[in-house]
Amino acid sequence: MAGTMRTIKMEIEYDGTGFFGWQRQSGALTTVQGAIEAALGRITQEKIGIIGAGRTDKGVHARGQVASFTTGSPMPLGRLIHSCNSLLPDTIRITAMRQAPESFHARFSATSREYRYFLLERPSAIDSRFAGCSYGKPDVAAMNWLAAMLPGTRDFAAFSKEDSDQQSTICTITEARWYRSGRYHVFRIEANRFLRSMVRFLVAGMIEAGMGRLEEEEFVGMLESCRRLPNLKPADAAGLFLWKVGYD
């Protein structure tokens, strides 16, 4: 018999390659949220709905996704996490579970989100599953010059896909920079919130500028006018990771 309801906070990592994004969808599309809800439902014998801190697009990965759900199951969390991982595909792992205050909400309680984008200069048979490619050597100084303009509060409508859930296109970015890590160029960005495909559009614009195909003024123009250049496509989802979610 179910006991009193508990709010559970869990941390999740996943390889998003084979999933149609995080968010549950109608029909037979495989999503990360759907897979975890099905596993938890089987174990607890309840209808479980989980809330994610960020809704990653199709093909995007996560190192530190956070989700919350409520359950009446008295099962110890150590056993629940073990049982859930045994039912999930190898490409999804729940790395932590803990009881949270009743008011905790994975999405609305979050104060910051950090994404990282991994970029290779040449395609790789092995690493391309987790990296985008510039197909040449980009001018990283030019990319960082543009990245340095991003922190602050502004309208990022030019760098997002339209989303019916989106009330506002204003975001506050606290950090944005490119750095080198082994064979990768890595872009780290942290903000209070992100719009749909926002990081991938920003990365695409900076790569185009770094490869000399986009004038720096054109990138700045998009930021100021809130209008996207029609030929700018989002960067390959394979390179993007939801890295960390911050809470007070």
Protein backbone atom coordinates (compact mmCIF):
# COMPACT_ATOMS: atom_id res chain seq x y z
CA MET A 1 0.00 0.00 0.00
CA ALA A 2 1.26 3.50 -0.86
CA GLY A 3 2.46 5.66 2.01
CA THR A 4 2.54 9.45 2.27
CA MET A 5 3.56 11.29 -0.88
CA ARG A 6 7.23 12.16 -1.28
CA THR A 7 8.84 14.65 -3.69
CA ILE A 8 11.96 13.13 -5.22
CA LYS A 9 14.76 15.06 -6.94
CA MET A 10 16.92 13.03 -9.29
CA GLU A 11 20.00 13.68 -11.40
CA ILE A 12 20.25 12.06 -14.82
CA GLU A 13 22.80 11.68 -17.57
CA TYR A 14 21.96 10.51 -21.06
CA ASP A 15 23.30 10.03 -24.56
CA GLY A 16 20.58 11.76 -26.57
CA THR A 17 21.57 10.30 -29.96
CA GLY A 18 18.73 7.81 -30.24
CA PHE A 19 16.02 9.91 -28.57
CA PHE A 20 13.52 12.44 -29.94
CA GLY A 21 14.59 14.88 -27.22
CA TRP A 22 13.73 15.03 -23.54
CA GLN A 23 10.03 15.83 -23.67
CA ARG A 24 7.37 13.12 -23.73
CA GLN A 25 5.56 13.05 -27.08
CA SER A 26 2.35 11.50 -28.28
CA GLY A 27 2.77 8.44 -30.49
CA ALA A 28 5.61 5.93 -30.49
CA LEU A 29 8.53 8.39 -30.43
CA THR A 30 11.17 7.44 -27.87
CA THR A 31 11.98 10.27 -25.46
CA VAL A 32 14.13 10.40 -22.33
CA GLN A 33 11.24 11.61 -20.15
CA GLY A 34 8.96 8.89 -21.52
CA ALA A 35 11.51 6.13 -20.89
CA ILE A 36 12.09 7.18 -17.26
CA GLU A 37 8.36 7.60 -16.54
CA ALA A 38 7.67 4.12 -17.91
CA ALA A 39 10.42 2.57 -15.76
CA LEU A 40 9.31 4.37 -12.57
CA GLY A 41 5.68 3.50 -13.25
CA ARG A 42 6.52 -0.17 -13.59
CA ILE A 43 8.42 -0.21 -10.30
CA THR A 44 6.01 1.87 -8.18
CA GLN A 45 2.80 0.67 -9.88
CA GLU A 46 1.73 4.33 -10.05
CA LYS A 47 1.23 6.74 -12.94
CA ILE A 48 4.42 8.82 -12.62
CA GLY A 49 4.92 12.17 -14.31
CA ILE A 50 8.40 13.68 -14.09
CA ILE A 51 9.36 17.33 -14.59
CA GLY A 52 12.75 18.13 -16.14
CA ALA A 53 14.82 21.25 -15.48
CA GLY A 54 15.54 21.64 -19.21
CA ARG A 55 13.83 20.25 -22.30
CA THR A 56 16.71 19.21 -24.54
CA ASP A 57 16.14 18.89 -28.30
CA LYS A 58 16.37 15.69 -30.34
CA GLY A 59 19.96 14.38 -30.26
CA VAL A 60 21.15 16.65 -27.40
CA HIS A 61 22.87 14.97 -24.42
CA ALA A 62 22.95 15.65 -20.68
CA ARG A 63 25.62 15.23 -18.01
CA GLY A 64 23.55 16.88 -15.28
CA GLN A 65 19.83 16.95 -16.08
CA VAL A 66 17.64 17.30 -12.98
CA ALA A 67 14.06 16.06 -12.72
CA SER A 68 11.46 15.79 -9.97
CA PHE A 69 8.41 13.64 -9.34
CA THR A 70 6.05 12.68 -6.52
CA THR A 71 5.38 9.14 -5.38
CA GLY A 72 3.47 7.35 -2.66
CA SER A 73 5.84 4.38 -2.86
CA PRO A 74 7.76 3.77 0.40
CA MET A 75 10.60 2.01 -1.48
CA PRO A 76 14.05 3.13 -0.24
CA LEU A 77 15.65 5.47 -2.79
CA GLY A 78 18.77 3.31 -3.13
CA ARG A 79 16.61 0.42 -4.27
CA LEU A 80 14.45 2.66 -6.47
CA ILE A 81 17.45 4.07 -8.34
CA HIS A 82 18.95 0.58 -8.81
CA SER A 83 15.63 -0.87 -10.05
CA CYS A 84 15.07 2.06 -12.40
CA ASN A 85 18.55 1.84 -13.94
CA SER A 86 18.10 -1.90 -14.50
CA LEU A 87 14.99 -1.19 -16.62
CA LEU A 88 16.35 1.82 -18.52
CA PRO A 89 18.41 1.55 -21.73
CA ASP A 90 22.20 1.85 -21.31
CA THR A 91 22.03 5.36 -22.78
CA ILE A 92 20.14 6.73 -19.72
CA ARG A 93 21.51 6.62 -16.16
CA ILE A 94 19.95 8.04 -13.02
CA THR A 95 23.02 9.09 -11.02
CA ALA A 96 21.34 10.34 -7.82
CA MET A 97 17.97 10.46 -6.05
CA ARG A 98 17.11 12.29 -2.86
CA GLN A 99 13.98 13.40 -1.10
CA ALA A 100 13.25 17.10 -1.62
CA PRO A 101 10.91 19.59 0.06
CA GLU A 102 7.32 19.34 -1.14
CA SER A 103 7.67 22.74 -2.85
CA PHE A 104 10.64 21.62 -4.99
CA HIS A 105 10.05 21.85 -8.76
CA ALA A 106 12.94 20.81 -11.03
CA ARG A 107 12.15 23.49 -13.60
CA PHE A 108 10.79 26.45 -11.63
CA SER A 109 13.12 26.06 -8.61
CA ALA A 110 16.22 26.16 -10.85
CA THR A 111 18.19 29.41 -10.78
CA SER A 112 20.76 28.63 -13.50
CA ARG A 113 21.53 26.18 -16.28
CA GLU A 114 24.89 25.48 -17.86
CA TYR A 115 25.40 24.03 -21.34
CA ARG A 116 28.63 23.01 -23.06
CA TYR A 117 29.18 22.55 -26.77
CA PHE A 118 32.03 20.37 -28.05
CA LEU A 119 33.46 21.20 -31.49
CA LEU A 120 35.94 19.24 -33.62
CA GLU A 121 37.86 20.72 -36.56
CA ARG A 122 37.65 17.45 -38.53
CA PRO A 123 35.01 14.70 -38.51
CA SER A 124 35.79 11.68 -36.33
CA ALA A 125 34.41 8.15 -36.69
CA ILE A 126 34.41 7.82 -32.90
CA ASP A 127 33.95 11.28 -31.36
CA SER A 128 31.38 12.70 -33.80
CA ARG A 129 28.63 11.10 -31.71
CA PHE A 130 29.36 13.73 -29.04
CA ALA A 131 30.69 16.69 -31.03
CA GLY A 132 29.85 19.11 -33.80
CA CYS A 133 32.36 19.83 -36.59
CA SER A 134 33.60 23.07 -38.14
CA TYR A 135 35.29 21.28 -41.10
CA GLY A 136 38.36 23.48 -40.76
CA LYS A 137 40.26 25.59 -38.26
CA PRO A 138 38.09 28.40 -36.88
CA ASP A 139 39.38 31.74 -35.59
CA VAL A 140 38.70 31.13 -31.90
CA ALA A 141 39.69 34.70 -30.97
CA ALA A 142 36.87 35.99 -33.21
CA MET A 143 34.47 33.48 -31.65
CA ASN A 144 35.46 34.58 -28.15
CA TRP A 145 35.07 38.24 -29.10
CA LEU A 146 31.43 37.49 -29.96
CA ALA A 147 30.99 35.27 -26.87
CA ALA A 148 32.15 38.17 -24.67
CA MET A 149 29.20 40.25 -25.93
CA LEU A 150 26.59 37.73 -24.73
CA PRO A 151 26.58 38.16 -20.91
CA GLY A 152 23.82 40.41 -19.64
CA THR A 153 20.03 40.53 -19.91
CA ARG A 154 18.65 40.83 -23.42
CA ASP A 155 16.19 39.51 -25.97
CA PHE A 156 17.50 36.37 -27.71
CA ALA A 157 14.55 35.93 -30.10
CA ALA A 158 16.94 35.92 -33.09
CA PHE A 159 18.66 32.84 -31.69
CA SER A 160 15.67 30.60 -30.97
CA LYS A 161 13.01 28.48 -32.59
CA GLU A 162 9.45 29.58 -31.97
CA ASP A 163 7.94 27.75 -29.02
CA SER A 164 4.27 27.95 -28.04
CA ASP A 165 5.24 27.48 -24.35
CA GLN A 166 7.54 30.50 -24.43
CA GLN A 167 6.14 33.48 -22.54
CA SER A 168 9.24 35.64 -23.00
CA THR A 169 12.43 35.66 -25.08
CA ILE A 170 14.46 37.61 -22.48
CA CYS A 171 17.35 35.69 -20.86
CA THR A 172 20.18 36.65 -18.50
CA ILE A 173 23.52 35.12 -19.48
CA THR A 174 26.18 35.13 -16.75
CA GLU A 175 29.05 33.43 -18.62
CA ALA A 176 29.90 32.63 -22.23
CA ARG A 177 33.37 31.63 -23.46
CA TRP A 178 35.28 29.26 -25.72
CA TYR A 179 38.27 27.26 -24.43
CA ARG A 180 40.43 24.40 -25.68
CA SER A 181 40.21 20.90 -24.18
CA GLY A 182 42.35 18.32 -25.95
CA ARG A 183 41.17 18.10 -29.57
CA TYR A 184 37.93 19.96 -28.81
CA HIS A 185 37.00 23.62 -28.84
CA VAL A 186 34.47 23.87 -25.99
CA PHE A 187 31.85 26.58 -25.55
CA ARG A 188 30.59 27.03 -21.98
CA ILE A 189 27.49 29.12 -21.39
CA GLU A 190 25.47 29.71 -18.23
CA ALA A 191 22.15 31.57 -17.92
CA ASN A 192 19.03 31.76 -15.82
CA ARG A 193 17.07 30.18 -18.70
CA PHE A 194 17.44 29.24 -22.35
CA LEU A 195 15.09 29.43 -25.31
CA ARG A 196 14.47 26.50 -27.65
CA SER A 197 17.63 25.73 -29.70
CA MET A 198 19.20 28.99 -28.41
CA VAL A 199 22.64 27.55 -27.62
CA ARG A 200 22.83 25.78 -30.99
CA PHE A 201 21.95 28.98 -32.89
CA LEU A 202 24.51 31.02 -30.90
CA VAL A 203 27.18 28.37 -31.52
CA ALA A 204 26.33 28.22 -35.23
CA GLY A 205 26.67 32.00 -35.56
CA MET A 206 30.03 32.00 -33.77
CA ILE A 207 31.34 29.09 -35.87
CA GLU A 208 30.26 30.85 -39.08
CA ALA A 209 32.08 34.00 -37.92
CA GLY A 210 35.13 31.94 -36.87
CA MET A 211 35.25 30.34 -40.32
CA GLY A 212 34.98 33.71 -42.05
CA ARG A 213 31.54 33.05 -43.52
CA LEU A 214 29.69 35.56 -41.32
CA GLU A 215 30.74 39.12 -40.56
CA GLU A 216 30.98 39.96 -36.86
CA GLU A 217 28.66 42.92 -37.56
CA GLU A 218 26.01 40.51 -38.87
CA PHE A 219 26.10 38.52 -35.61
CA VAL A 220 25.85 41.74 -33.59
CA GLY A 221 23.01 42.86 -35.86
CA MET A 222 21.03 39.73 -35.00
CA LEU A 223 21.51 40.40 -31.28
CA GLU A 224 20.37 44.01 -31.63
CA SER A 225 17.50 43.57 -34.11
CA CYS A 226 16.14 40.27 -32.67
CA ARG A 227 15.92 39.01 -36.27
CA ARG A 228 17.79 35.93 -37.43
CA LEU A 229 19.60 35.78 -40.76
CA PRO A 230 17.56 33.38 -42.92
CA ASN A 231 20.52 31.13 -43.81
CA LEU A 232 21.64 30.47 -40.20
CA LYS A 233 20.87 26.89 -39.16
CA PRO A 234 21.38 25.56 -35.60
CA ALA A 235 24.66 23.75 -34.90
CA ASP A 236 24.65 19.94 -34.87
CA ALA A 237 22.79 18.66 -31.78
CA ALA A 238 25.44 15.97 -31.22
CA GLY A 239 27.88 18.50 -29.74
CA LEU A 240 25.56 19.90 -27.07
CA PHE A 241 25.33 18.83 -23.42
CA LEU A 242 23.08 20.10 -20.63
CA TRP A 243 25.97 20.18 -18.17
CA LYS A 244 24.59 21.39 -14.86
CA VAL A 245 21.49 22.89 -13.24
CA GLY A 246 21.87 25.26 -10.29
CA TYR A 247 19.53 25.67 -7.31
CA ASP A 248 19.63 28.03 -4.33
